[in-house]
N, C-alpha and C. Protein backbone atom coordinates (compact mmCIF):
# COMPACT_ATOMS: atom_id res chain seq x y z
N MET A 1 113.28 202.66 163.83
CA MET A 1 112.81 201.32 164.17
C MET A 1 112.86 200.42 162.92
N ARG A 2 113.05 199.11 163.16
CA ARG A 2 113.16 198.16 162.05
C ARG A 2 111.89 197.32 161.95
N HIS A 3 110.75 197.92 161.99
CA HIS A 3 109.51 197.16 161.86
C HIS A 3 109.39 196.60 160.45
N ARG A 4 109.09 195.28 160.40
CA ARG A 4 108.86 194.59 159.12
C ARG A 4 110.08 194.68 158.20
N LYS A 5 111.25 194.69 158.77
CA LYS A 5 112.48 194.71 157.96
C LYS A 5 113.32 193.50 158.36
N ALA A 6 113.04 192.35 157.69
CA ALA A 6 113.75 191.11 158.01
C ALA A 6 115.07 191.07 157.25
N GLY A 7 115.94 190.23 157.74
CA GLY A 7 117.22 190.06 157.07
C GLY A 7 118.28 190.98 157.63
N ILE A 8 119.50 190.79 157.08
CA ILE A 8 120.65 191.56 157.52
C ILE A 8 121.07 192.51 156.40
N LYS A 9 121.74 193.60 156.76
CA LYS A 9 122.13 194.61 155.77
C LYS A 9 123.41 194.26 155.03
N LEU A 10 124.38 193.68 155.75
CA LEU A 10 125.67 193.29 155.17
C LEU A 10 126.42 194.48 154.57
N ASN A 11 126.13 195.67 155.07
CA ASN A 11 126.82 196.89 154.62
C ASN A 11 126.64 197.12 153.11
N ARG A 12 125.43 196.82 152.61
CA ARG A 12 125.12 196.99 151.20
C ARG A 12 123.77 197.68 151.05
N THR A 13 123.56 198.28 149.90
CA THR A 13 122.28 198.89 149.61
C THR A 13 121.26 197.79 149.33
N PRO A 14 119.95 198.09 149.45
CA PRO A 14 118.95 197.05 149.18
C PRO A 14 119.03 196.47 147.78
N SER A 15 119.25 197.27 146.78
CA SER A 15 119.33 196.75 145.42
C SER A 15 120.55 195.85 145.23
N HIS A 16 121.69 196.28 145.81
CA HIS A 16 122.90 195.45 145.71
C HIS A 16 122.71 194.13 146.46
N ARG A 17 122.10 194.23 147.62
CA ARG A 17 121.89 193.03 148.44
C ARG A 17 120.94 192.04 147.73
N ASP A 18 119.85 192.52 147.16
CA ASP A 18 118.92 191.65 146.47
C ASP A 18 119.56 190.99 145.25
N ALA A 19 120.31 191.75 144.50
CA ALA A 19 120.98 191.20 143.32
C ALA A 19 122.00 190.12 143.72
N MET A 20 122.70 190.39 144.81
CA MET A 20 123.69 189.40 145.27
C MET A 20 123.02 188.09 145.68
N PHE A 21 121.94 188.15 146.43
CA PHE A 21 121.28 186.90 146.87
C PHE A 21 120.56 186.20 145.73
N ARG A 22 120.08 186.96 144.71
CA ARG A 22 119.51 186.31 143.53
C ARG A 22 120.57 185.47 142.83
N ASN A 23 121.75 186.02 142.67
CA ASN A 23 122.83 185.28 142.02
C ASN A 23 123.26 184.07 142.86
N MET A 24 123.32 184.25 144.16
CA MET A 24 123.77 183.15 145.02
C MET A 24 122.75 182.01 145.06
N VAL A 25 121.47 182.31 145.15
CA VAL A 25 120.47 181.25 145.21
C VAL A 25 120.36 180.54 143.86
N THR A 26 120.60 181.28 142.77
CA THR A 26 120.62 180.64 141.44
C THR A 26 121.78 179.65 141.35
N SER A 27 122.95 180.04 141.83
CA SER A 27 124.11 179.14 141.82
C SER A 27 123.89 177.94 142.73
N LEU A 28 123.22 178.17 143.86
CA LEU A 28 122.95 177.06 144.79
C LEU A 28 122.02 176.01 144.15
N ILE A 29 120.98 176.46 143.46
CA ILE A 29 120.06 175.51 142.81
C ILE A 29 120.75 174.81 141.64
N LYS A 30 121.60 175.50 140.95
CA LYS A 30 122.27 174.93 139.77
C LYS A 30 123.33 173.92 140.17
N HIS A 31 124.16 174.26 141.16
CA HIS A 31 125.29 173.39 141.54
C HIS A 31 125.04 172.61 142.83
N GLU A 32 123.96 172.92 143.54
CA GLU A 32 123.53 172.26 144.78
C GLU A 32 124.44 172.49 145.97
N ARG A 33 125.52 173.25 145.83
CA ARG A 33 126.35 173.66 146.97
C ARG A 33 127.26 174.82 146.55
N ILE A 34 127.41 175.75 147.46
CA ILE A 34 128.34 176.86 147.25
C ILE A 34 129.02 177.17 148.58
N ARG A 35 130.15 177.90 148.49
CA ARG A 35 130.90 178.30 149.69
C ARG A 35 130.91 179.81 149.78
N THR A 36 130.56 180.30 150.96
CA THR A 36 130.51 181.75 151.19
C THR A 36 130.74 182.02 152.67
N THR A 37 130.64 183.28 153.05
CA THR A 37 130.82 183.61 154.47
C THR A 37 129.62 183.11 155.27
N THR A 38 129.82 182.95 156.56
CA THR A 38 128.76 182.39 157.41
C THR A 38 127.55 183.30 157.48
N ALA A 39 127.77 184.63 157.51
CA ALA A 39 126.64 185.58 157.58
C ALA A 39 125.79 185.48 156.30
N LYS A 40 126.44 185.42 155.14
CA LYS A 40 125.70 185.30 153.88
C LYS A 40 125.02 183.93 153.78
N ALA A 41 125.69 182.90 154.29
CA ALA A 41 125.13 181.54 154.21
C ALA A 41 123.84 181.43 155.00
N ASN A 42 123.80 182.03 156.18
CA ASN A 42 122.58 181.97 156.99
C ASN A 42 121.42 182.71 156.32
N GLU A 43 121.71 183.83 155.66
CA GLU A 43 120.66 184.56 154.95
C GLU A 43 120.26 183.83 153.66
N LEU A 44 121.22 183.22 152.99
CA LEU A 44 120.92 182.48 151.76
C LEU A 44 120.03 181.27 152.05
N LYS A 45 120.19 180.70 153.20
CA LYS A 45 119.35 179.56 153.58
C LYS A 45 117.88 179.95 153.59
N ARG A 46 117.58 181.17 154.04
CA ARG A 46 116.20 181.63 154.08
C ARG A 46 115.64 181.81 152.67
N TRP A 47 116.45 182.33 151.75
CA TRP A 47 116.00 182.52 150.36
C TRP A 47 115.77 181.17 149.68
N ALA A 48 116.66 180.22 149.90
CA ALA A 48 116.52 178.91 149.25
C ALA A 48 115.30 178.15 149.76
N ASP A 49 115.03 178.22 151.05
CA ASP A 49 113.86 177.53 151.60
C ASP A 49 112.56 178.10 151.03
N ARG A 50 112.53 179.42 150.81
CA ARG A 50 111.33 180.04 150.24
C ARG A 50 111.11 179.56 148.80
N LEU A 51 112.16 179.46 148.02
CA LEU A 51 112.03 179.02 146.63
C LEU A 51 111.60 177.55 146.55
N ILE A 52 112.13 176.70 147.41
CA ILE A 52 111.77 175.29 147.39
C ILE A 52 110.31 175.11 147.81
N THR A 53 109.83 175.94 148.73
CA THR A 53 108.42 175.88 149.11
C THR A 53 107.53 176.24 147.93
N LEU A 54 107.92 177.24 147.14
CA LEU A 54 107.16 177.59 145.93
C LEU A 54 107.19 176.45 144.92
N ALA A 55 108.34 175.79 144.79
CA ALA A 55 108.46 174.69 143.83
C ALA A 55 107.60 173.50 144.25
N LYS A 56 107.47 173.26 145.54
CA LYS A 56 106.61 172.17 146.01
C LYS A 56 105.13 172.47 145.75
N ARG A 57 104.77 173.74 145.78
CA ARG A 57 103.39 174.09 145.46
C ARG A 57 103.10 173.82 143.99
N GLY A 58 103.99 174.25 143.12
CA GLY A 58 103.99 173.80 141.74
C GLY A 58 102.99 174.43 140.79
N ASP A 59 102.18 175.39 141.20
CA ASP A 59 101.21 175.98 140.27
C ASP A 59 101.85 177.11 139.46
N LEU A 60 101.08 177.71 138.56
CA LEU A 60 101.61 178.73 137.67
C LEU A 60 102.01 179.99 138.43
N HIS A 61 101.22 180.38 139.40
CA HIS A 61 101.55 181.57 140.18
C HIS A 61 102.85 181.39 140.95
N ALA A 62 103.06 180.18 141.50
CA ALA A 62 104.31 179.90 142.23
C ALA A 62 105.49 179.94 141.27
N ARG A 63 105.31 179.48 140.05
CA ARG A 63 106.40 179.51 139.07
C ARG A 63 106.76 180.96 138.71
N ARG A 64 105.76 181.82 138.58
CA ARG A 64 106.03 183.21 138.24
C ARG A 64 106.70 183.94 139.41
N GLN A 65 106.33 183.57 140.63
CA GLN A 65 107.00 184.17 141.80
C GLN A 65 108.47 183.74 141.86
N ALA A 66 108.74 182.48 141.51
CA ALA A 66 110.13 182.01 141.50
C ALA A 66 110.93 182.69 140.39
N LEU A 67 110.28 182.95 139.23
CA LEU A 67 110.97 183.63 138.13
C LEU A 67 111.27 185.09 138.46
N SER A 68 110.54 185.67 139.40
CA SER A 68 110.86 187.04 139.80
C SER A 68 112.13 187.11 140.64
N ILE A 69 112.54 185.95 141.20
CA ILE A 69 113.77 185.91 142.00
C ILE A 69 114.92 185.32 141.18
N VAL A 70 114.68 184.16 140.60
CA VAL A 70 115.68 183.49 139.77
C VAL A 70 115.36 183.84 138.32
N ARG A 71 116.28 184.48 137.62
CA ARG A 71 116.00 184.98 136.28
C ARG A 71 116.32 183.96 135.19
N GLU A 72 116.82 182.80 135.53
CA GLU A 72 117.13 181.78 134.54
C GLU A 72 115.99 180.75 134.50
N LYS A 73 115.35 180.61 133.32
CA LYS A 73 114.20 179.71 133.20
C LYS A 73 114.61 178.24 133.36
N ALA A 74 115.80 177.89 132.89
CA ALA A 74 116.24 176.49 133.00
C ALA A 74 116.42 176.08 134.46
N VAL A 75 116.93 176.99 135.27
CA VAL A 75 117.13 176.69 136.70
C VAL A 75 115.78 176.55 137.40
N VAL A 76 114.84 177.41 137.06
CA VAL A 76 113.51 177.33 137.66
C VAL A 76 112.81 176.04 137.23
N HIS A 77 112.97 175.66 135.97
CA HIS A 77 112.36 174.41 135.50
C HIS A 77 112.96 173.20 136.23
N LYS A 78 114.27 173.21 136.42
CA LYS A 78 114.91 172.12 137.17
C LYS A 78 114.40 172.06 138.60
N LEU A 79 114.26 173.23 139.23
CA LEU A 79 113.79 173.28 140.62
C LEU A 79 112.37 172.74 140.73
N PHE A 80 111.49 173.14 139.83
CA PHE A 80 110.09 172.71 139.92
C PHE A 80 109.91 171.24 139.53
N GLU A 81 110.84 170.67 138.78
CA GLU A 81 110.77 169.25 138.43
C GLU A 81 111.27 168.35 139.56
N GLU A 82 112.33 168.78 140.24
CA GLU A 82 112.97 167.91 141.23
C GLU A 82 112.46 168.11 142.65
N ALA A 83 112.03 169.31 142.98
CA ALA A 83 111.67 169.62 144.37
C ALA A 83 110.51 168.78 144.91
N PRO A 84 109.39 168.57 144.16
CA PRO A 84 108.31 167.75 144.72
C PRO A 84 108.74 166.31 145.02
N LYS A 85 109.59 165.74 144.20
CA LYS A 85 110.04 164.36 144.43
C LYS A 85 111.08 164.30 145.55
N ARG A 86 111.94 165.31 145.58
CA ARG A 86 113.07 165.28 146.52
C ARG A 86 112.66 165.74 147.91
N PHE A 87 111.79 166.75 148.01
CA PHE A 87 111.44 167.34 149.30
C PHE A 87 109.96 167.21 149.62
N GLY A 88 109.23 166.36 148.89
CA GLY A 88 107.79 166.26 149.11
C GLY A 88 107.42 165.63 150.43
N ALA A 89 108.28 164.79 150.99
CA ALA A 89 107.95 164.08 152.22
C ALA A 89 108.29 164.86 153.49
N VAL A 90 108.98 166.02 153.37
CA VAL A 90 109.38 166.78 154.54
C VAL A 90 108.86 168.20 154.41
N ALA A 91 108.75 168.88 155.54
CA ALA A 91 108.29 170.27 155.56
C ALA A 91 109.35 171.13 156.21
N GLY A 92 110.39 171.45 155.46
CA GLY A 92 111.46 172.29 155.99
C GLY A 92 112.78 171.53 156.06
N GLY A 93 113.83 172.28 156.35
CA GLY A 93 115.15 171.67 156.45
C GLY A 93 115.69 171.24 155.11
N TYR A 94 115.50 172.09 154.08
CA TYR A 94 115.93 171.73 152.73
C TYR A 94 117.41 172.00 152.50
N THR A 95 118.02 172.87 153.29
CA THR A 95 119.42 173.22 153.11
C THR A 95 120.20 172.97 154.39
N ARG A 96 121.51 172.96 154.25
CA ARG A 96 122.39 172.71 155.39
C ARG A 96 123.60 173.64 155.31
N VAL A 97 124.00 174.16 156.44
CA VAL A 97 125.15 175.07 156.54
C VAL A 97 126.23 174.38 157.35
N VAL A 98 127.40 174.18 156.75
CA VAL A 98 128.52 173.51 157.41
C VAL A 98 129.67 174.51 157.52
N LYS A 99 130.13 174.75 158.72
CA LYS A 99 131.21 175.71 158.94
C LYS A 99 132.54 175.07 158.56
N LEU A 100 133.36 175.83 157.80
CA LEU A 100 134.64 175.31 157.29
C LEU A 100 135.85 175.94 157.95
N GLY A 101 135.65 176.98 158.71
CA GLY A 101 136.80 177.65 159.33
C GLY A 101 136.85 179.10 158.94
N ARG A 102 138.06 179.65 158.84
CA ARG A 102 138.23 181.08 158.52
C ARG A 102 139.02 181.24 157.22
N ARG A 103 138.70 182.33 156.53
CA ARG A 103 139.35 182.62 155.25
C ARG A 103 140.78 183.11 155.49
N PRO A 104 141.74 182.66 154.70
CA PRO A 104 143.14 183.05 154.96
C PRO A 104 143.40 184.55 154.89
N GLY A 105 142.73 185.30 153.99
CA GLY A 105 143.07 186.73 153.82
C GLY A 105 142.62 187.60 154.97
N ASP A 106 141.31 187.58 155.27
CA ASP A 106 140.78 188.49 156.29
C ASP A 106 140.21 187.75 157.50
N ALA A 107 140.40 186.45 157.59
CA ALA A 107 139.95 185.64 158.73
C ALA A 107 138.43 185.66 158.88
N ALA A 108 137.70 185.86 157.78
CA ALA A 108 136.24 185.82 157.84
C ALA A 108 135.78 184.37 157.95
N PRO A 109 134.77 184.08 158.77
CA PRO A 109 134.29 182.70 158.90
C PRO A 109 133.61 182.23 157.59
N ILE A 110 134.03 181.06 157.12
CA ILE A 110 133.54 180.51 155.86
C ILE A 110 132.65 179.30 156.16
N SER A 111 131.57 179.17 155.38
CA SER A 111 130.65 178.04 155.53
C SER A 111 130.27 177.49 154.17
N LEU A 112 129.83 176.25 154.16
CA LEU A 112 129.38 175.58 152.94
C LEU A 112 127.86 175.43 153.03
N VAL A 113 127.17 175.92 152.00
CA VAL A 113 125.71 175.80 151.93
C VAL A 113 125.39 174.76 150.86
N GLU A 114 124.54 173.78 151.19
CA GLU A 114 124.20 172.72 150.23
C GLU A 114 122.76 172.27 150.43
N LEU A 115 122.19 171.75 149.35
CA LEU A 115 120.85 171.17 149.42
C LEU A 115 120.93 169.77 150.00
N VAL A 116 119.96 169.43 150.80
CA VAL A 116 119.96 168.16 151.51
C VAL A 116 118.87 167.27 150.92
N THR A 117 119.20 165.98 150.73
CA THR A 117 118.19 164.99 150.33
C THR A 117 117.74 164.26 151.58
N PRO A 118 116.54 164.52 152.05
CA PRO A 118 116.10 163.89 153.32
C PRO A 118 115.91 162.40 153.15
N GLU A 119 116.22 161.67 154.20
CA GLU A 119 116.02 160.22 154.22
C GLU A 119 114.70 159.91 154.90
N VAL A 120 113.81 159.28 154.16
CA VAL A 120 112.50 158.93 154.70
C VAL A 120 112.59 157.55 155.32
N ALA A 121 112.19 157.42 156.59
CA ALA A 121 112.25 156.13 157.27
C ALA A 121 111.18 155.20 156.70
N LYS A 122 111.63 154.04 156.21
CA LYS A 122 110.70 153.06 155.65
C LYS A 122 110.12 152.20 156.76
N PRO A 123 108.85 151.85 156.66
CA PRO A 123 108.26 150.98 157.70
C PRO A 123 108.88 149.60 157.67
N LYS A 124 109.09 149.06 158.85
CA LYS A 124 109.70 147.74 158.95
C LYS A 124 108.69 146.67 158.54
N LYS A 125 109.18 145.74 157.75
CA LYS A 125 108.32 144.65 157.29
C LYS A 125 108.27 143.56 158.35
N LYS A 126 107.06 143.03 158.54
CA LYS A 126 106.91 141.96 159.51
C LYS A 126 107.46 140.65 158.93
N ALA A 127 108.04 139.86 159.80
CA ALA A 127 108.61 138.58 159.35
C ALA A 127 107.48 137.66 158.95
N SER A 128 107.48 137.27 157.69
CA SER A 128 106.42 136.39 157.18
C SER A 128 106.79 134.93 157.40
N LYS A 129 105.79 134.07 157.27
CA LYS A 129 106.02 132.64 157.45
C LYS A 129 106.81 132.05 156.29
N LYS A 130 106.74 132.69 155.12
CA LYS A 130 107.46 132.17 153.96
C LYS A 130 108.96 132.21 154.18
N LYS A 131 109.43 133.22 154.93
CA LYS A 131 110.87 133.30 155.19
C LYS A 131 111.33 132.20 156.13
N ALA A 132 110.46 131.71 157.00
CA ALA A 132 110.84 130.65 157.93
C ALA A 132 110.90 129.30 157.24
N ALA A 133 110.24 129.15 156.08
CA ALA A 133 110.20 127.87 155.38
C ALA A 133 111.58 127.41 154.90
N PRO A 134 112.41 128.31 154.28
CA PRO A 134 113.73 127.85 153.85
C PRO A 134 114.58 127.29 154.98
N ALA A 135 114.41 127.81 156.19
CA ALA A 135 115.19 127.29 157.32
C ALA A 135 114.85 125.83 157.59
N LYS A 136 113.56 125.47 157.46
CA LYS A 136 113.15 124.09 157.65
C LYS A 136 113.71 123.20 156.55
N LYS A 137 113.71 123.73 155.31
CA LYS A 137 114.25 122.97 154.20
C LYS A 137 115.73 122.70 154.39
N LYS A 138 116.43 123.69 154.92
CA LYS A 138 117.86 123.50 155.16
C LYS A 138 118.09 122.49 156.28
N ALA A 139 117.20 122.46 157.26
CA ALA A 139 117.36 121.52 158.36
C ALA A 139 117.03 120.10 157.95
N ALA A 140 116.23 119.91 156.87
CA ALA A 140 115.83 118.59 156.45
C ALA A 140 117.01 117.72 156.03
N PRO A 141 117.96 118.22 155.19
CA PRO A 141 119.11 117.37 154.85
C PRO A 141 119.91 116.93 156.07
N ALA A 142 120.04 117.82 157.06
CA ALA A 142 120.78 117.43 158.26
C ALA A 142 120.05 116.32 159.01
N ALA A 143 118.71 116.37 159.04
CA ALA A 143 117.94 115.32 159.70
C ALA A 143 118.08 114.00 158.94
N LYS A 144 118.07 114.10 157.59
CA LYS A 144 118.24 112.88 156.79
C LYS A 144 119.61 112.25 157.04
N LYS A 145 120.64 113.10 157.14
CA LYS A 145 121.98 112.58 157.42
C LYS A 145 122.02 111.89 158.78
N ALA A 146 121.33 112.49 159.76
CA ALA A 146 121.30 111.89 161.09
C ALA A 146 120.57 110.55 161.06
N GLU A 147 119.46 110.49 160.28
CA GLU A 147 118.72 109.22 160.17
C GLU A 147 119.54 108.17 159.45
N ALA A 148 120.29 108.61 158.41
CA ALA A 148 121.13 107.66 157.69
C ALA A 148 122.25 107.13 158.58
N ALA A 149 122.78 107.98 159.45
CA ALA A 149 123.86 107.55 160.34
C ALA A 149 123.34 106.67 161.47
N ALA A 150 122.07 106.82 161.87
CA ALA A 150 121.52 106.07 162.99
C ALA A 150 121.46 104.57 162.71
N PRO A 151 120.96 104.09 161.53
CA PRO A 151 120.95 102.64 161.28
C PRO A 151 122.34 102.02 161.31
N GLU A 152 123.34 102.76 160.80
CA GLU A 152 124.69 102.23 160.83
C GLU A 152 125.15 101.98 162.27
N GLU A 153 124.83 102.92 163.15
CA GLU A 153 125.22 102.76 164.54
C GLU A 153 124.51 101.58 165.18
N THR A 154 123.21 101.38 164.86
CA THR A 154 122.47 100.27 165.44
C THR A 154 122.99 98.95 164.91
N SER A 155 123.36 98.93 163.61
CA SER A 155 123.88 97.69 163.05
C SER A 155 125.20 97.34 163.69
N THR A 156 126.04 98.36 163.90
CA THR A 156 127.33 98.09 164.54
C THR A 156 127.16 97.66 165.98
N GLU A 157 126.13 98.21 166.64
CA GLU A 157 125.89 97.80 168.02
C GLU A 157 125.29 96.41 168.10
N ALA A 158 124.48 96.01 167.10
CA ALA A 158 123.85 94.70 167.12
C ALA A 158 124.83 93.60 166.79
N ALA A 159 125.92 93.91 166.11
CA ALA A 159 126.88 92.90 165.72
C ALA A 159 127.47 92.16 166.91
N PRO A 160 127.90 92.85 167.96
CA PRO A 160 128.45 92.12 169.12
C PRO A 160 127.44 91.18 169.75
N GLU A 161 126.15 91.53 169.74
CA GLU A 161 125.14 90.65 170.31
C GLU A 161 125.05 89.35 169.54
N GLU A 162 125.12 89.49 168.17
CA GLU A 162 125.07 88.29 167.36
C GLU A 162 126.27 87.38 167.62
N THR A 163 127.42 88.02 167.75
CA THR A 163 128.62 87.24 168.00
C THR A 163 128.54 86.55 169.36
N THR A 164 127.99 87.28 170.34
CA THR A 164 127.88 86.67 171.66
C THR A 164 126.91 85.50 171.63
N SER A 165 125.81 85.65 170.84
CA SER A 165 124.85 84.54 170.74
C SER A 165 125.50 83.34 170.06
N GLN A 166 126.35 83.61 169.03
CA GLN A 166 127.04 82.52 168.37
C GLN A 166 128.01 81.83 169.32
N GLU A 167 128.73 82.65 170.12
CA GLU A 167 129.66 82.07 171.08
C GLU A 167 128.92 81.24 172.12
N ALA A 168 127.76 81.76 172.55
CA ALA A 168 126.98 81.02 173.53
C ALA A 168 126.52 79.70 172.94
N GLY A 169 126.12 79.74 171.65
CA GLY A 169 125.71 78.50 170.99
C GLY A 169 126.85 77.52 170.88
N ALA A 170 128.05 78.07 170.61
CA ALA A 170 129.21 77.20 170.50
C ALA A 170 129.54 76.55 171.84
N GLU A 171 129.32 77.32 172.94
CA GLU A 171 129.58 76.75 174.25
C GLU A 171 128.54 75.71 174.64
N GLU A 172 127.32 75.88 174.22
CA GLU A 172 126.24 74.98 174.61
C GLU A 172 126.17 73.74 173.73
N THR A 173 126.87 73.69 172.64
CA THR A 173 126.79 72.54 171.72
C THR A 173 127.22 71.23 172.34
N PRO A 174 128.30 71.14 173.15
CA PRO A 174 128.65 69.84 173.73
C PRO A 174 127.55 69.29 174.61
N GLU A 175 126.97 70.11 175.46
CA GLU A 175 125.90 69.62 176.33
C GLU A 175 124.69 69.20 175.52
N ALA A 176 124.38 70.02 174.51
CA ALA A 176 123.23 69.67 173.67
C ALA A 176 123.49 68.39 172.91
N ALA A 177 124.75 68.19 172.51
CA ALA A 177 125.08 66.95 171.78
C ALA A 177 124.92 65.75 172.70
N LYS A 178 125.36 65.87 173.96
CA LYS A 178 125.22 64.76 174.90
C LYS A 178 123.75 64.45 175.15
N ALA A 179 122.96 65.57 175.30
CA ALA A 179 121.53 65.36 175.54
C ALA A 179 120.88 64.71 174.34
N ALA A 180 121.35 65.05 173.14
CA ALA A 180 120.79 64.45 171.93
C ALA A 180 121.24 63.02 171.75
N GLU A 181 122.46 62.66 172.21
CA GLU A 181 122.96 61.30 172.06
C GLU A 181 122.30 60.33 173.04
N ALA A 182 121.90 60.83 174.22
CA ALA A 182 121.29 59.94 175.23
C ALA A 182 120.02 59.30 174.73
N PRO A 183 119.05 60.00 174.16
CA PRO A 183 117.85 59.32 173.64
C PRO A 183 118.17 58.36 172.52
N GLU A 184 119.16 58.68 171.68
CA GLU A 184 119.52 57.76 170.60
C GLU A 184 120.08 56.43 171.17
N ALA A 185 120.89 56.56 172.24
CA ALA A 185 121.44 55.34 172.85
C ALA A 185 120.34 54.49 173.46
N GLN A 186 119.38 55.10 174.12
CA GLN A 186 118.25 54.36 174.69
C GLN A 186 117.43 53.69 173.61
N ALA A 187 117.22 54.42 172.53
CA ALA A 187 116.44 53.84 171.43
C ALA A 187 117.15 52.65 170.82
N SER A 188 118.48 52.72 170.68
CA SER A 188 119.24 51.61 170.10
C SER A 188 119.22 50.40 171.04
N ALA A 189 119.25 50.68 172.38
CA ALA A 189 119.19 49.56 173.34
C ALA A 189 117.84 48.87 173.28
N GLU A 190 116.76 49.60 173.19
CA GLU A 190 115.44 49.01 173.07
C GLU A 190 115.31 48.20 171.79
N ASP A 191 115.88 48.70 170.73
CA ASP A 191 115.87 47.96 169.47
C ASP A 191 116.64 46.65 169.59
N ALA A 192 117.75 46.69 170.36
CA ALA A 192 118.54 45.47 170.53
C ALA A 192 117.78 44.43 171.34
N ASP A 193 116.98 44.86 172.33
CA ASP A 193 116.19 43.91 173.13
C ASP A 193 115.09 43.26 172.30
N THR A 194 114.56 43.99 171.38
CA THR A 194 113.44 43.45 170.60
C THR A 194 113.87 42.93 169.26
N GLU A 195 115.11 42.50 169.10
CA GLU A 195 115.58 41.96 167.83
C GLU A 195 114.93 40.60 167.57
N PRO A 196 114.56 40.28 166.38
CA PRO A 196 113.96 38.97 166.04
C PRO A 196 115.00 37.85 166.11
N GLU A 197 114.52 36.67 166.25
CA GLU A 197 115.42 35.51 166.32
C GLU A 197 116.09 35.29 165.00
N PRO A 198 117.23 34.63 164.98
CA PRO A 198 117.93 34.40 163.72
C PRO A 198 117.08 33.55 162.79
N ALA A 199 117.30 33.80 161.53
CA ALA A 199 116.51 33.10 160.50
C ALA A 199 116.79 31.62 160.49
N GLY A 200 118.01 31.19 160.83
CA GLY A 200 118.37 29.76 160.81
C GLY A 200 117.57 28.98 161.82
N GLU A 201 117.37 29.51 162.99
CA GLU A 201 116.63 28.81 164.01
C GLU A 201 115.18 28.62 163.61
N THR A 202 114.63 29.56 163.01
CA THR A 202 113.23 29.43 162.57
C THR A 202 113.09 28.38 161.50
N ASP A 203 114.05 28.30 160.68
CA ASP A 203 113.99 27.28 159.61
C ASP A 203 114.07 25.86 160.21
N ASP A 204 114.92 25.65 161.22
CA ASP A 204 115.05 24.34 161.85
C ASP A 204 113.77 23.94 162.54
N SER A 205 113.16 24.89 163.23
CA SER A 205 111.91 24.58 163.92
C SER A 205 110.83 24.24 162.93
N ALA A 206 110.88 24.89 161.81
CA ALA A 206 109.88 24.60 160.78
C ALA A 206 110.08 23.22 160.22
N LYS A 207 111.33 22.83 160.01
CA LYS A 207 111.60 21.48 159.50
C LYS A 207 111.16 20.42 160.49
N GLU A 208 111.42 20.67 161.79
CA GLU A 208 111.02 19.70 162.80
C GLU A 208 109.51 19.55 162.82
N GLY A 209 108.82 20.65 162.64
CA GLY A 209 107.36 20.57 162.64
C GLY A 209 106.86 19.77 161.44
N LYS A 210 107.47 19.85 160.33
CA LYS A 210 107.10 19.10 159.13
C LYS A 210 107.34 17.60 159.35
N THR A 211 108.47 17.24 159.92
CA THR A 211 108.79 15.82 160.10
C THR A 211 107.82 15.17 161.07
N SER A 212 107.44 15.94 162.11
CA SER A 212 106.51 15.38 163.07
C SER A 212 105.15 15.18 162.45
N GLU A 213 104.79 16.01 161.60
CA GLU A 213 103.50 15.85 160.95
C GLU A 213 103.51 14.65 160.01
N SER A 214 104.64 14.45 159.39
CA SER A 214 104.71 13.33 158.48
C SER A 214 104.72 12.00 159.24
């Protein structure tokens, strides 16, 4: 029975198998991607996820557990420095297995194992009123142009009215002139009726009055 015996044998002894996966997970952390057979890739994914979980914990005991698997201190230091920032927002899914096809020699299925940088969805920002203000500012010059064009149109439209009023005045001038000449003619006739007598006649009457008195 295989009680409490996880993992696959891969036709290797336990010591050979452990040494092989230690080397593979060290290369994966160092280069962030490696290519191997699909069976090894699926098992390597389990080893890498365990190490990244230890790195996210970050205490001294977790570092010593990681050093028992990865024997290079520089690789462990890199893992413990980058893992909390890179994988702190997610709980799992740190690696990805991409199938590449079959190997030319023995037709073994080949896969690519790589570390994944998860994308954290950022909250959408609400549209503020400050963003709507520039749109009003941009619309203001257009309104000013429309206002500037409006007086020109009204002036051009008012011009024909002025001309028509002038033409109407020109047409009404003869009648107005006749109406204005009629009172002048009446006034001149009244003046002619009330003209004083000639000066010579008054002088003669005055002389006659003097002689009669004498």
